[in-house]
Structure formats: structure tokens, C-alpha cells
N, C-alpha and C. Protein backbone atom coordinates (compact mmCIF):
# COMPACT_ATOMS: atom_id res chain seq x y z
N UNK A 1 106.59 238.68 204.19
CA UNK A 1 107.52 237.79 203.54
C UNK A 1 106.78 236.73 202.73
N UNK A 2 105.70 236.25 203.22
CA UNK A 2 104.93 235.24 202.50
C UNK A 2 104.38 235.80 201.20
N UNK A 3 103.94 237.05 201.22
CA UNK A 3 103.42 237.67 200.00
C UNK A 3 104.52 237.79 198.95
N UNK A 4 105.71 238.10 199.39
CA UNK A 4 106.84 238.25 198.47
C UNK A 4 107.20 236.91 197.84
N UNK A 5 107.22 235.87 198.63
CA UNK A 5 107.52 234.53 198.13
C UNK A 5 106.43 234.07 197.17
N UNK A 6 105.17 234.36 197.52
CA UNK A 6 104.05 233.99 196.68
C UNK A 6 104.15 234.70 195.32
N UNK A 7 104.51 235.96 195.35
CA UNK A 7 104.65 236.74 194.12
C UNK A 7 105.79 236.19 193.25
N UNK A 8 106.90 235.83 193.89
CA UNK A 8 108.02 235.25 193.16
C UNK A 8 107.65 233.90 192.55
N UNK A 9 106.91 233.10 193.29
CA UNK A 9 106.46 231.80 192.78
C UNK A 9 105.52 231.97 191.59
N UNK A 10 104.65 232.97 191.64
CA UNK A 10 103.74 233.22 190.52
C UNK A 10 104.52 233.67 189.28
N UNK A 11 105.51 234.54 189.47
CA UNK A 11 106.34 234.97 188.35
C UNK A 11 107.12 233.79 187.77
N UNK A 12 107.61 232.94 188.67
CA UNK A 12 108.34 231.76 188.23
C UNK A 12 107.41 230.82 187.45
N UNK A 13 106.19 230.66 187.92
CA UNK A 13 105.22 229.82 187.23
C UNK A 13 104.91 230.36 185.84
N UNK A 14 104.72 231.67 185.72
CA UNK A 14 104.46 232.29 184.42
C UNK A 14 105.64 232.09 183.47
N UNK A 15 106.84 232.29 183.98
CA UNK A 15 108.03 232.11 183.16
C UNK A 15 108.16 230.66 182.71
N UNK A 16 107.86 229.74 183.60
CA UNK A 16 107.93 228.33 183.27
C UNK A 16 106.89 227.96 182.21
N UNK A 17 105.70 228.50 182.33
CA UNK A 17 104.66 228.22 181.33
C UNK A 17 105.04 228.78 179.97
N UNK A 18 105.61 229.97 179.94
CA UNK A 18 106.07 230.55 178.67
C UNK A 18 107.19 229.70 178.06
N UNK A 19 108.08 229.25 178.91
CA UNK A 19 109.18 228.41 178.44
C UNK A 19 108.64 227.10 177.88
N UNK A 20 107.65 226.52 178.55
CA UNK A 20 107.05 225.28 178.08
C UNK A 20 106.40 225.48 176.71
N UNK A 21 105.70 226.59 176.52
CA UNK A 21 105.09 226.88 175.22
C UNK A 21 106.15 226.96 174.12
N UNK A 22 107.24 227.66 174.42
CA UNK A 22 108.32 227.79 173.44
C UNK A 22 108.97 226.46 173.13
N UNK A 23 109.18 225.66 174.14
CA UNK A 23 109.80 224.35 173.94
C UNK A 23 108.90 223.47 173.08
N UNK A 24 107.59 223.52 173.31
CA UNK A 24 106.66 222.74 172.50
C UNK A 24 106.69 223.20 171.05
N UNK A 25 106.76 224.51 170.81
CA UNK A 25 106.84 225.03 169.44
C UNK A 25 108.14 224.57 168.76
N UNK A 26 109.23 224.64 169.50
CA UNK A 26 110.52 224.21 168.96
C UNK A 26 110.48 222.73 168.63
N UNK A 27 109.89 221.94 169.52
CA UNK A 27 109.80 220.50 169.29
C UNK A 27 108.97 220.19 168.05
N UNK A 28 107.84 220.88 167.90
CA UNK A 28 106.98 220.68 166.74
C UNK A 28 107.71 221.07 165.45
N UNK A 29 108.42 222.18 165.49
CA UNK A 29 109.18 222.63 164.32
C UNK A 29 110.26 221.61 163.97
N UNK A 30 110.91 221.06 164.98
CA UNK A 30 111.94 220.06 164.76
C UNK A 30 111.36 218.81 164.11
N UNK A 31 110.18 218.39 164.54
CA UNK A 31 109.54 217.23 163.94
C UNK A 31 109.24 217.48 162.45
N UNK A 32 108.77 218.68 162.11
CA UNK A 32 108.50 219.01 160.71
C UNK A 32 109.80 219.01 159.89
N UNK A 33 110.87 219.51 160.48
CA UNK A 33 112.16 219.52 159.78
C UNK A 33 112.60 218.09 159.50
N UNK A 34 112.47 217.22 160.47
CA UNK A 34 112.83 215.82 160.27
C UNK A 34 111.96 215.18 159.19
N UNK A 35 110.68 215.45 159.21
CA UNK A 35 109.75 214.88 158.23
C UNK A 35 110.14 215.32 156.82
N UNK A 36 110.36 216.62 156.62
CA UNK A 36 110.70 217.10 155.29
C UNK A 36 112.10 216.67 154.86
N UNK A 37 112.98 216.47 155.81
CA UNK A 37 114.30 215.95 155.48
C UNK A 37 114.18 214.52 154.96
N UNK A 38 113.34 213.74 155.61
CA UNK A 38 113.09 212.37 155.15
C UNK A 38 112.49 212.36 153.75
N UNK A 39 111.53 213.24 153.51
CA UNK A 39 110.92 213.35 152.19
C UNK A 39 111.97 213.76 151.16
N UNK A 40 112.82 214.71 151.50
CA UNK A 40 113.87 215.18 150.59
C UNK A 40 114.80 214.04 150.19
N UNK A 41 115.25 213.26 151.17
CA UNK A 41 116.16 212.15 150.86
C UNK A 41 115.45 211.06 150.07
N UNK A 42 114.18 210.85 150.35
CA UNK A 42 113.41 209.88 149.57
C UNK A 42 113.33 210.28 148.11
N UNK A 43 113.10 211.56 147.86
CA UNK A 43 113.03 212.06 146.48
C UNK A 43 114.40 211.94 145.81
N UNK A 44 115.46 212.27 146.52
CA UNK A 44 116.81 212.18 145.95
C UNK A 44 117.13 210.74 145.57
N UNK A 45 116.81 209.80 146.45
CA UNK A 45 117.09 208.39 146.16
C UNK A 45 116.22 207.89 145.01
N UNK A 46 114.95 208.26 145.01
CA UNK A 46 114.04 207.82 143.94
C UNK A 46 114.49 208.36 142.58
N UNK A 47 114.87 209.62 142.52
CA UNK A 47 115.33 210.21 141.26
C UNK A 47 116.63 209.54 140.81
N UNK A 48 117.52 209.24 141.74
CA UNK A 48 118.77 208.58 141.39
C UNK A 48 118.53 207.19 140.82
N UNK A 49 117.68 206.42 141.46
CA UNK A 49 117.38 205.07 140.98
C UNK A 49 116.69 205.14 139.62
N UNK A 50 115.71 206.04 139.48
CA UNK A 50 115.00 206.19 138.21
C UNK A 50 115.97 206.61 137.10
N UNK A 51 116.85 207.55 137.41
CA UNK A 51 117.84 207.99 136.41
C UNK A 51 118.76 206.87 136.00
N UNK A 52 119.22 206.07 136.96
CA UNK A 52 120.10 204.95 136.63
C UNK A 52 119.36 203.95 135.76
N UNK A 53 118.12 203.65 136.09
CA UNK A 53 117.36 202.69 135.29
C UNK A 53 117.12 203.21 133.87
N UNK A 54 116.95 204.52 133.73
CA UNK A 54 116.75 205.09 132.40
C UNK A 54 118.05 205.12 131.60
N UNK A 55 119.19 205.29 132.27
CA UNK A 55 120.48 205.36 131.58
C UNK A 55 121.11 204.00 131.35
N UNK A 56 120.64 202.97 132.00
CA UNK A 56 121.27 201.66 131.93
C UNK A 56 121.36 201.12 130.51
N UNK A 57 120.33 201.20 129.67
CA UNK A 57 120.49 200.69 128.29
C UNK A 57 121.58 201.44 127.51
N UNK A 58 121.68 202.74 127.72
CA UNK A 58 122.72 203.51 127.03
C UNK A 58 124.11 203.14 127.54
N UNK A 59 124.22 202.92 128.84
CA UNK A 59 125.51 202.52 129.40
C UNK A 59 125.92 201.15 128.87
N UNK A 60 124.97 200.22 128.77
CA UNK A 60 125.28 198.89 128.22
C UNK A 60 125.73 199.01 126.78
N UNK A 61 125.07 199.86 126.00
CA UNK A 61 125.44 200.06 124.60
C UNK A 61 126.86 200.63 124.50
N UNK A 62 127.18 201.59 125.35
CA UNK A 62 128.52 202.19 125.35
C UNK A 62 129.57 201.15 125.72
N UNK A 63 129.26 200.33 126.72
CA UNK A 63 130.21 199.29 127.13
C UNK A 63 130.41 198.25 126.04
N UNK A 64 129.35 197.88 125.33
CA UNK A 64 129.48 196.93 124.22
C UNK A 64 130.33 197.53 123.11
N UNK A 65 130.12 198.80 122.81
CA UNK A 65 130.91 199.49 121.77
C UNK A 65 132.37 199.54 122.17
N UNK A 66 132.63 199.85 123.44
CA UNK A 66 134.00 199.88 123.93
C UNK A 66 134.64 198.49 123.81
N UNK A 67 133.89 197.46 124.16
CA UNK A 67 134.41 196.09 124.05
C UNK A 67 134.73 195.73 122.61
N UNK A 68 133.88 196.12 121.69
CA UNK A 68 134.11 195.84 120.27
C UNK A 68 135.36 196.58 119.78
N UNK A 69 135.49 197.84 120.16
CA UNK A 69 136.67 198.62 119.76
C UNK A 69 137.93 198.00 120.35
N UNK A 70 137.88 197.56 121.59
CA UNK A 70 139.03 196.95 122.25
C UNK A 70 139.42 195.65 121.55
N UNK A 71 138.44 194.81 121.22
CA UNK A 71 138.71 193.56 120.51
C UNK A 71 139.32 193.83 119.14
N UNK A 72 138.79 194.81 118.44
CA UNK A 72 139.31 195.16 117.12
C UNK A 72 140.75 195.65 117.24
N UNK A 73 141.05 196.43 118.24
CA UNK A 73 142.41 196.93 118.45
C UNK A 73 143.36 195.78 118.73
N UNK A 74 142.92 194.79 119.50
CA UNK A 74 143.77 193.64 119.79
C UNK A 74 144.01 192.81 118.53
N UNK A 75 142.97 192.66 117.70
CA UNK A 75 143.13 191.91 116.45
C UNK A 75 144.11 192.64 115.52
N UNK A 76 144.01 193.97 115.47
CA UNK A 76 144.92 194.74 114.62
C UNK A 76 146.35 194.60 115.13
N UNK A 77 146.54 194.61 116.43
CA UNK A 77 147.89 194.44 116.97
C UNK A 77 148.44 193.05 116.67
N UNK A 78 147.55 192.05 116.62
CA UNK A 78 148.00 190.68 116.31
C UNK A 78 148.36 190.52 114.85
N UNK A 79 147.71 191.26 113.97
CA UNK A 79 147.97 191.16 112.54
C UNK A 79 149.22 191.91 112.15
N UNK A 80 149.41 193.10 112.72
CA UNK A 80 150.56 193.93 112.38
C UNK A 80 151.74 193.55 113.28
N UNK A 81 152.84 193.02 112.70
CA UNK A 81 154.00 192.69 113.54
C UNK A 81 154.73 193.95 113.97
N UNK A 82 155.31 193.91 115.16
CA UNK A 82 156.07 195.07 115.67
C UNK A 82 157.45 195.11 115.13
């Protein structure tokens, strides 16, 4: 009976060691996924900010043009009686 228990304990130990190896690999892979996810979001945010900064002068120009057109339309409405 002791030999049987000893054999079962050894099999259990081997299975546990294999499980530990797999868990360590999974944990390491998860850390890499988190790292690259962080890098991905950093790139997305950086590109968004850079794009906004590059487009800002054009957006200001469009808004100024819209304001001028709106003012002109109001002046025309004031000159032409309904």
C-alpha cells in the first residue's frame, strides 16, 4: 500500500510541476499582451494628438471663414427688407 501511495504522490508531483510550467508560460504571455496593449494605446493617443495639432490651423481657418460667411449673411438680411 505504501508503494502505491508513493507512486500516486510522484505522479501528482509530476502533474503539478507540468501545471506550474504551463501557468508560468501563460503568465509571461499575459504580461507581454499587456505590454503591447499599452504600447498600442500609446501610439493611438500620440497619433491622435499629433493629427489634431497638425489639423488645428486648418480648422481655425475654416471656422474663421464660416464666421465671415455668417456675418455677411446677417448683414445681407439686415439690408434687404422682408
